[in-house]
C-alpha atoms as a PDB file:
ATOM      1  CA  MET A   1      84.019-288.429 -36.030  1.00  0.00           C
ATOM      2  CA  GLU A   2      84.374-288.730 -32.273  1.00  0.00           C
ATOM      3  CA  GLN A   3      81.860-291.108 -30.714  1.00  0.00           C
ATOM      4  CA  GLU A   4      79.891-290.110 -27.647  1.00  0.00           C
ATOM      5  CA  THR A   5      81.161-291.907 -24.544  1.00  0.00           C
ATOM      6  CA  LYS A   6      78.438-293.863 -22.762  1.00  0.00           C
ATOM      7  CA  LEU A   7      78.386-293.234 -19.042  1.00  0.00           C
ATOM      8  CA  PRO A   8      78.492-296.254 -16.689  1.00  0.00           C
ATOM      9  CA  ARG A   9      75.543-297.217 -14.517  1.00  0.00           C
ATOM     10  CA  PRO A  10      75.898-296.331 -10.817  1.00  0.00           C
ATOM     11  CA  SER A  11      76.292-298.834  -8.010  1.00  0.00           C
ATOM     12  CA  LEU A  12      73.596-299.104  -5.346  1.00  0.00           C
ATOM     13  CA  GLU A  13      75.862-297.158  -2.972  1.00  0.00           C
ATOM     14  CA  VAL A  14      76.262-294.338  -5.492  1.00  0.00           C
ATOM     15  CA  LEU A  15      72.495-294.230  -6.087  1.00  0.00           C
ATOM     16  CA  LYS A  16      71.865-294.009  -2.319  1.00  0.00           C
ATOM     17  CA  GLU A  17      74.392-291.174  -2.091  1.00  0.00           C
ATOM     18  CA  PHE A  18      72.691-289.412  -4.994  1.00  0.00           C
ATOM     19  CA  LYS A  19      69.229-289.649  -3.412  1.00  0.00           C
ATOM     20  CA  SER A  20      70.654-288.497  -0.070  1.00  0.00           C
ATOM     21  CA  LEU A  21      72.131-285.422  -1.754  1.00  0.00           C
ATOM     22  CA  LEU A  22      68.799-284.702  -3.469  1.00  0.00           C
ATOM     23  CA  ASP A  23      67.046-284.828  -0.096  1.00  0.00           C
ATOM     24  CA  LEU A  24      69.726-282.594   1.403  1.00  0.00           C
ATOM     25  CA  CYS A  25      69.255-279.986  -1.335  1.00  0.00           C
ATOM     26  CA  GLY A  26      65.558-279.838  -0.446  1.00  0.00           C
ATOM     27  CA  ARG A  27      66.357-278.561   3.049  1.00  0.00           C
ATOM     28  CA  GLU A  28      67.341-275.127   4.292  1.00  0.00           C
ATOM     29  CA  LEU A  29      71.099-274.914   3.916  1.00  0.00           C
ATOM     30  CA  THR A  30      73.745-272.265   4.217  1.00  0.00           C
ATOM     31  CA  GLU A  31      75.127-270.943   0.951  1.00  0.00           C
ATOM     32  CA  GLU A  32      78.315-272.959   1.498  1.00  0.00           C
ATOM     33  CA  GLN A  33      76.410-276.183   2.279  1.00  0.00           C
ATOM     34  CA  SER A  34      74.153-275.708  -0.751  1.00  0.00           C
ATOM     35  CA  PHE A  35      77.131-275.105  -3.036  1.00  0.00           C
ATOM     36  CA  GLU A  36      78.921-278.201  -1.723  1.00  0.00           C
ATOM     37  CA  ALA A  37      75.840-280.432  -2.131  1.00  0.00           C
ATOM     38  CA  MET A  38      75.225-279.205  -5.672  1.00  0.00           C
ATOM     39  CA  GLU A  39      78.878-279.731  -6.572  1.00  0.00           C
ATOM     40  CA  LYS A  40      78.639-283.366  -5.468  1.00  0.00           C
ATOM     41  CA  LEU A  41      75.323-283.833  -7.273  1.00  0.00           C
ATOM     42  CA  ASN A  42      76.647-282.404 -10.518  1.00  0.00           C
ATOM     43  CA  SER A  43      79.735-284.590 -10.245  1.00  0.00           C
ATOM     44  CA  LEU A  44      77.577-287.727  -9.971  1.00  0.00           C
ATOM     45  CA  ILE A  45      75.351-286.567 -12.852  1.00  0.00           C
ATOM     46  CA  GLY A  46      78.447-286.065 -14.988  1.00  0.00           C
ATOM     47  CA  HIS A  47      79.930-289.464 -14.184  1.00  0.00           C
ATOM     48  CA  TYR A  48      76.936-291.836 -14.223  1.00  0.00           C
ATOM     49  CA  ASP A  49      73.910-292.685 -16.342  1.00  0.00           C
ATOM     50  CA  LEU A  50      71.047-292.049 -13.908  1.00  0.00           C
ATOM     51  CA  SER A  51      68.179-292.691 -16.311  1.00  0.00           C
ATOM     52  CA  ASN A  52      65.668-295.506 -15.969  1.00  0.00           C
ATOM     53  CA  TYR A  53      65.684-297.976 -18.848  1.00  0.00           C
ATOM     54  CA  VAL A  54      63.498-300.505 -20.638  1.00  0.00           C
ATOM     55  CA  PHE A  55      64.225-304.231 -20.456  1.00  0.00           C
ATOM     56  CA  GLU A  56      62.565-307.125 -22.259  1.00  0.00           C
ATOM     57  CA  ASP A  57      61.540-310.625 -21.238  1.00  0.00           C
ATOM     58  CA  PRO A  58      62.989-312.796 -24.045  1.00  0.00           C
ATOM     59  CA  ALA A  59      60.375-315.490 -23.437  1.00  0.00           C
ATOM     60  CA  THR A  60      57.380-313.193 -24.011  1.00  0.00           C
ATOM     61  CA  GLY A  61      58.780-310.120 -25.769  1.00  0.00           C
ATOM     62  CA  LYS A  62      57.012-307.972 -23.164  1.00  0.00           C
ATOM     63  CA  LYS A  63      58.808-304.945 -21.717  1.00  0.00           C
ATOM     64  CA  GLY A  64      59.371-303.499 -18.266  1.00  0.00           C
ATOM     65  CA  VAL A  65      61.325-300.643 -16.675  1.00  0.00           C
ATOM     66  CA  LYS A  66      64.333-300.751 -14.351  1.00  0.00           C
ATOM     67  CA  ASN A  67      66.010-297.972 -12.391  1.00  0.00           C
ATOM     68  CA  PRO A  68      69.712-297.122 -12.987  1.00  0.00           C
ATOM     69  CA  VAL A  69      70.962-299.969 -10.753  1.00  0.00           C
ATOM     70  CA  GLY A  70      68.706-302.590 -12.337  1.00  0.00           C
ATOM     71  CA  GLN A  71      65.919-302.712  -9.755  1.00  0.00           C
ATOM     72  CA  ILE A  72      62.543-303.402 -11.374  1.00  0.00           C
ATOM     73  CA  LEU A  73      60.145-300.450 -11.368  1.00  0.00           C
ATOM     74  CA  LEU A  74      57.626-302.033 -13.755  1.00  0.00           C
ATOM     75  CA  PRO A  75      57.559-305.785 -14.439  1.00  0.00           C
ATOM     76  CA  ALA A  76      57.910-306.995 -18.038  1.00  0.00           C
ATOM     77  CA  GLU A  77      54.188-307.095 -18.804  1.00  0.00           C
ATOM     78  CA  TYR A  78      53.798-304.266 -21.316  1.00  0.00           C
ATOM     79  CA  GLU A  79      54.207-303.453 -24.998  1.00  0.00           C
ATOM     80  CA  GLY A  80      55.963-300.130 -24.561  1.00  0.00           C
ATOM     81  CA  PHE A  81      56.290-296.775 -22.818  1.00  0.00           C
ATOM     82  CA  THR A  82      56.425-293.149 -23.912  1.00  0.00           C
ATOM     83  CA  PHE A  83      58.696-291.994 -21.065  1.00  0.00           C
ATOM     84  CA  GLU A  84      60.549-293.896 -18.343  1.00  0.00           C
ATOM     85  CA  GLY A  85      61.928-291.040 -16.210  1.00  0.00           C
ATOM     86  CA  ASP A  86      65.220-290.818 -14.342  1.00  0.00           C
ATOM     87  CA  CYS A  87      66.569-290.271 -10.835  1.00  0.00           C
ATOM     88  CA  TYR A  88      67.075-286.536 -11.154  1.00  0.00           C
ATOM     89  CA  ALA A  89      64.933-284.170 -13.226  1.00  0.00           C
ATOM     90  CA  SER A  90      62.089-286.618 -13.894  1.00  0.00           C
ATOM     91  CA  ARG A  91      61.641-288.790 -10.817  1.00  0.00           C
ATOM     92  CA  MET A  92      58.494-290.736 -11.669  1.00  0.00           C
ATOM     93  CA  SER A  93      56.255-292.452  -9.122  1.00  0.00           C
ATOM     94  CA  GLN A  94      54.198-293.703 -12.063  1.00  0.00           C
ATOM     95  CA  VAL A  95      54.756-294.528 -15.733  1.00  0.00           C
ATOM     96  CA  ALA A  96      52.396-294.614 -18.703  1.00  0.00           C
ATOM     97  CA  ALA A  97      52.498-298.113 -20.199  1.00  0.00           C
ATOM     98  CA  MET A  98      50.867-299.791 -23.204  1.00  0.00           C
ATOM     99  CA  LYS A  99      48.922-303.031 -22.903  1.00  0.00           C
ATOM    100  CA  ASN A 100      46.767-304.543 -25.662  1.00  0.00           C
ATOM    101  CA  GLY A 101      47.347-301.443 -27.769  1.00  0.00           C
ATOM    102  CA  LYS A 102      46.065-298.983 -25.152  1.00  0.00           C
ATOM    103  CA  TYR A 103      47.802-296.838 -22.535  1.00  0.00           C
ATOM    104  CA  GLY A 104      47.232-296.766 -18.798  1.00  0.00           C
ATOM    105  CA  ILE A 105      49.236-295.641 -15.761  1.00  0.00           C
ATOM    106  CA  VAL A 106      51.184-298.054 -13.549  1.00  0.00           C
ATOM    107  CA  ALA A 107      52.922-297.456 -10.203  1.00  0.00           C
ATOM    108  CA  ALA A 108      56.707-297.374 -10.628  1.00  0.00           C
ATOM    109  CA  ASP A 109      57.391-299.325  -7.422  1.00  0.00           C
ATOM    110  CA  GLY A 110      57.909-302.828  -8.796  1.00  0.00           C
ATOM    111  CA  THR A 111      54.422-304.080  -7.902  1.00  0.00           C
ATOM    112  CA  GLY A 112      52.759-303.615 -11.284  1.00  0.00           C
ATOM    113  CA  ARG A 113      49.842-301.941  -9.515  1.00  0.00           C
ATOM    114  CA  VAL A 114      47.522-300.337 -12.057  1.00  0.00           C
ATOM    115  CA  ILE A 115      46.678-296.723 -11.182  1.00  0.00           C
ATOM    116  CA  CYS A 116      44.605-296.085 -14.300  1.00  0.00           C
ATOM    117  CA  ASP A 117      43.210-298.764 -16.596  1.00  0.00           C
ATOM    118  CA  PHE A 118      44.352-299.106 -20.207  1.00  0.00           C
ATOM    119  CA  ARG A 119      41.852-296.973 -22.099  1.00  0.00           C
ATOM    120  CA  PHE A 120      43.866-294.155 -23.724  1.00  0.00           C
ATOM    121  CA  ASP A 121      45.172-294.184 -27.296  1.00  0.00           C
ATOM    122  CA  LEU A 122      48.335-292.374 -26.135  1.00  0.00           C
ATOM    123  CA  LEU A 123      49.694-290.818 -22.933  1.00  0.00           C
ATOM    124  CA  LYS A 124      52.760-288.539 -23.066  1.00  0.00           C
ATOM    125  CA  TRP A 125      54.229-287.199 -19.832  1.00  0.00           C
ATOM    126  CA  TYR A 126      54.673-283.412 -19.778  1.00  0.00           C
ATOM    127  CA  PRO A 127      56.954-282.701 -16.793  1.00  0.00           C
ATOM    128  CA  TYR A 128      56.615-278.905 -16.923  1.00  0.00           C
ATOM    129  CA  ALA A 129      52.933-279.249 -16.027  1.00  0.00           C
ATOM    130  CA  GLY A 130      53.053-282.515 -14.062  1.00  0.00           C
ATOM    131  CA  LEU A 131      50.330-283.879 -16.364  1.00  0.00           C
ATOM    132  CA  TYR A 132      49.899-286.285 -19.259  1.00  0.00           C
ATOM    133  CA  ILE A 133      49.008-285.021 -22.720  1.00  0.00           C
ATOM    134  CA  ALA A 134      46.396-287.607 -23.700  1.00  0.00           C
ATOM    135  CA  TRP A 135      44.508-288.819 -26.769  1.00  0.00           C
ATOM    136  CA  TRP A 136      41.490-291.128 -26.646  1.00  0.00           C
ATOM    137  CA  ASP A 137      38.327-292.267 -28.440  1.00  0.00           C
ATOM    138  CA  GLY A 138      40.283-292.524 -31.708  1.00  0.00           C
ATOM    139  CA  ASP A 139      40.546-288.732 -32.094  1.00  0.00           C
ATOM    140  CA  GLU A 140      44.100-288.009 -33.287  1.00  0.00           C
ATOM    141  CA  SER A 141      43.562-284.301 -33.961  1.00  0.00           C
ATOM    142  CA  HIS A 142      42.531-283.286 -30.435  1.00  0.00           C
ATOM    143  CA  PHE A 143      44.031-283.976 -27.029  1.00  0.00           C
ATOM    144  CA  GLY A 144      43.108-283.608 -23.376  1.00  0.00           C
ATOM    145  CA  LEU A 145      45.033-283.551 -20.105  1.00  0.00           C
ATOM    146  CA  VAL A 146      45.200-286.340 -17.536  1.00  0.00           C
ATOM    147  CA  ASN A 147      46.709-286.166 -14.043  1.00  0.00           C
ATOM    148  CA  PRO A 148      49.062-288.826 -12.579  1.00  0.00           C
ATOM    149  CA  LYS A 149      46.043-290.621 -11.073  1.00  0.00           C
ATOM    150  CA  GLY A 150      44.579-291.090 -14.547  1.00  0.00           C
ATOM    151  CA  GLU A 151      41.802-288.553 -13.975  1.00  0.00           C
ATOM    152  CA  VAL A 152      40.810-286.426 -16.961  1.00  0.00           C
ATOM    153  CA  VAL A 153      41.305-282.779 -15.961  1.00  0.00           C
ATOM    154  CA  VAL A 154      40.796-281.273 -19.435  1.00  0.00           C
ATOM    155  CA  PRO A 155      38.566-282.900 -22.109  1.00  0.00           C
ATOM    156  CA  ASN A 156      40.060-284.072 -25.401  1.00  0.00           C
ATOM    157  CA  VAL A 157      39.007-281.094 -27.476  1.00  0.00           C
ATOM    158  CA  MET A 158      42.297-279.131 -27.437  1.00  0.00           C
ATOM    159  CA  GLU A 159      44.514-278.485 -30.455  1.00  0.00           C
ATOM    160  CA  LYS A 160      47.616-276.815 -29.002  1.00  0.00           C
ATOM    161  CA  TYR A 161      49.302-276.157 -25.669  1.00  0.00           C
ATOM    162  CA  TYR A 162      51.996-273.734 -24.566  1.00  0.00           C
ATOM    163  CA  GLU A 163      54.746-274.024 -21.975  1.00  0.00           C
ATOM    164  CA  PRO A 164      53.384-273.103 -18.518  1.00  0.00           C
ATOM    165  CA  MET A 165      54.174-269.673 -17.085  1.00  0.00           C
ATOM    166  CA  ASN A 166      53.793-269.192 -13.341  1.00  0.00           C
ATOM    167  CA  GLY A 167      51.728-272.393 -13.209  1.00  0.00           C
ATOM    168  CA  PHE A 168      49.378-271.345 -16.041  1.00  0.00           C
ATOM    169  CA  MET A 169      49.360-273.599 -19.105  1.00  0.00           C
ATOM    170  CA  GLN A 170      47.679-271.919 -22.055  1.00  0.00           C
ATOM    171  CA  LEU A 171      45.475-274.059 -24.317  1.00  0.00           C
ATOM    172  CA  GLU A 172      44.161-273.340 -27.810  1.00  0.00           C
ATOM    173  CA  ARG A 173      41.233-274.526 -29.934  1.00  0.00           C
ATOM    174  CA  ASP A 174      39.754-273.034 -33.129  1.00  0.00           C
ATOM    175  CA  GLY A 175      41.894-269.911 -32.710  1.00  0.00           C
ATOM    176  CA  LYS A 176      40.552-269.249 -29.199  1.00  0.00           C
ATOM    177  CA  PHE A 177      42.464-269.480 -25.937  1.00  0.00           C
ATOM    178  CA  GLY A 178      41.939-270.799 -22.419  1.00  0.00           C
ATOM    179  CA  GLY A 179      44.152-272.650 -19.972  1.00  0.00           C
ATOM    180  CA  ILE A 180      44.695-274.579 -16.773  1.00  0.00           C
ATOM    181  CA  ASP A 181      46.191-273.694 -13.416  1.00  0.00           C
ATOM    182  CA  THR A 182      48.523-276.654 -12.998  1.00  0.00           C
ATOM    183  CA  SER A 183      48.657-276.213  -9.206  1.00  0.00           C
ATOM    184  CA  THR A 184      44.885-276.249  -8.571  1.00  0.00           C
ATOM    185  CA  GLY A 185      43.575-278.180 -11.582  1.00  0.00           C
ATOM    186  CA  TYR A 186      41.003-275.503 -12.424  1.00  0.00           C
ATOM    187  CA  PHE A 187      40.747-274.871 -16.156  1.00  0.00           C
ATOM    188  CA  VAL A 188      38.936-272.532 -18.504  1.00  0.00           C
ATOM    189  CA  MET A 189      37.831-273.622 -21.978  1.00  0.00           C
ATOM    190  CA  PRO A 190      39.301-271.782 -24.981  1.00  0.00           C
ATOM    191  CA  GLU A 191      36.787-269.009 -25.608  1.00  0.00           C
ATOM    192  CA  TYR A 192      38.988-265.915 -25.385  1.00  0.00           C
ATOM    193  CA  ASP A 193      40.667-263.925 -28.168  1.00  0.00           C
ATOM    194  CA  SER A 194      44.001-263.911 -26.312  1.00  0.00           C
ATOM    195  CA  VAL A 195      45.541-264.486 -22.901  1.00  0.00           C
ATOM    196  CA  GLU A 196      48.624-262.699 -21.641  1.00  0.00           C
ATOM    197  CA  GLY A 197      50.532-262.079 -18.437  1.00  0.00           C
ATOM    198  CA  ASP A 198      53.925-261.589 -16.860  1.00  0.00           C
ATOM    199  CA  ILE A 199      55.611-263.845 -14.341  1.00  0.00           C
ATOM    200  CA  ASP A 200      54.505-261.644 -11.406  1.00  0.00           C
ATOM    201  CA  GLU A 201      50.977-260.771 -12.585  1.00  0.00           C
ATOM    202  CA  ASN A 202      47.549-262.364 -12.996  1.00  0.00           C
ATOM    203  CA  MET A 203      46.690-263.640 -16.467  1.00  0.00           C
ATOM    204  CA  ILE A 204      44.716-261.079 -18.475  1.00  0.00           C
ATOM    205  CA  PHE A 205      41.996-262.492 -20.759  1.00  0.00           C
ATOM    206  CA  HIS A 206      40.757-260.570 -23.819  1.00  0.00           C
ATOM    207  CA  LYS A 207      37.242-261.089 -25.166  1.00  0.00           C
ATOM    208  CA  ASP A 208      35.328-258.917 -27.640  1.00  0.00           C
ATOM    209  CA  GLY A 209      37.623-255.951 -26.981  1.00  0.00           C
ATOM    210  CA  VAL A 210      37.346-256.204 -23.192  1.00  0.00           C
ATOM    211  CA  GLU A 211      40.231-257.238 -20.956  1.00  0.00           C
ATOM    212  CA  GLY A 212      39.705-258.848 -17.592  1.00  0.00           C
ATOM    213  CA  TYR A 213      40.384-261.699 -15.215  1.00  0.00           C
ATOM    214  CA  VAL A 214      38.738-265.114 -14.887  1.00  0.00           C
ATOM    215  CA  VAL A 215      37.768-266.418 -11.445  1.00  0.00           C
ATOM    216  CA  GLU A 216      39.196-269.936 -11.062  1.00  0.00           C
ATOM    217  CA  GLU A 217      36.413-271.509  -8.997  1.00  0.00           C
ATOM    218  CA  THR A 218      33.466-270.215 -11.030  1.00  0.00           C
ATOM    219  CA  GLY A 219      34.938-269.384 -14.459  1.00  0.00           C
ATOM    220  CA  GLU A 220      33.395-265.883 -14.241  1.00  0.00           C
ATOM    221  CA  PHE A 221      34.968-263.300 -16.575  1.00  0.00           C
ATOM    222  CA  VAL A 222      35.370-259.998 -14.713  1.00  0.00           C
ATOM    223  CA  PRO A 223      36.454-256.819 -16.539  1.00  0.00           C
ATOM    224  CA  LYS A 224      39.752-255.553 -15.141  1.00  0.00           C
ATOM    225  CA  GLU A 225      38.366-252.283 -13.772  1.00  0.00           C
ATOM    226  CA  VAL A 226      35.485-254.043 -12.019  1.00  0.00           C
ATOM    227  CA  PHE A 227      37.767-256.641 -10.436  1.00  0.00           C
ATOM    228  CA  GLU A 228      40.169-254.020  -9.117  1.00  0.00           C
ATOM    229  CA  GLU A 229      37.467-251.677  -7.758  1.00  0.00           C
ATOM    230  CA  ASP A 230      34.716-253.979  -6.439  1.00  0.00           C
ATOM    231  CA  GLU A 231      35.409-255.138  -2.866  1.00  0.00           C
ATOM    232  CA  LYS A 232      33.579-258.431  -3.384  1.00  0.00           C
ATOM    233  CA  TYR A 233      36.541-259.622  -5.449  1.00  0.00           C
ATOM    234  CA  ASP A 234      39.079-258.969  -2.679  1.00  0.00           C
ATOM    235  CA  GLY A 235      41.045-262.188  -2.123  1.00  0.00           C
ATOM    236  CA  VAL A 236      39.270-264.031  -4.967  1.00  0.00           C
ATOM    237  CA  LEU A 237      41.580-266.420  -6.810  1.00  0.00           C
ATOM    238  CA  VAL A 238      41.895-265.752 -10.520  1.00  0.00           C
ATOM    239  CA  TYR A 239      44.138-267.305 -13.186  1.00  0.00           C
ATOM    240  CA  ASN A 240      46.981-267.352 -12.182  1.00  0.00           C
ATOM    241  CA  MET A 241      47.245-265.272  -9.029  1.00  0.00           C
ATOM    242  CA  PHE A 242      50.857-264.442  -8.273  1.00  0.00           C
ATOM    243  CA  VAL A 243      51.871-265.466  -4.748  1.00  0.00           C
ATOM    244  CA  ASP A 244      54.959-263.798  -3.293  1.00  0.00           C
END
């Protein structure tokens, strides 16, 4: 059986070129310029291992994280990590680390600065939402959501989550549904029979046979006909208002 070839680590010059190309792709470019930049980026991705990696201090057995060229992002002071990130799809300014059996969040800049103290049972980075799926207080059957600052944005009473659509991450508990707007941080507890929506529409909530929208700031459930006909709801943000 053919073995998978391990890609080499980049040099510092290659990493600088890679980051420069990433910055370039974030600007307004002509179609030709964009194609050329992406071609170069994809070539580097195909030729080098651009992932961060864990290293260990042999004297203490503690672990840290380095970037692809070996620069220290987190010093070797921790027991482990759930996700280290990379230089492309998952560029992390912070990493969840374990210390004394608990997880906290540490700045990935080499300083070891603690962003959030070590109080969670588990923190798992969910890049599609830009949030951590988190467990705490010894409850293994329910989870909450924590932002990169370590702030709890959804309490640990959830049982299931779904991939975000148009910035709306659906959450489930006891067969009921709610969700969070990942761009604003507003969330609604699971108390609806179902939630549905298309990529270019507001999310429609169903409760006791009535369909409607939920106002983000207040959590008010407004029947669809009322929301569309009453002028007081003009311009009111609901989950998850499509913005063209």
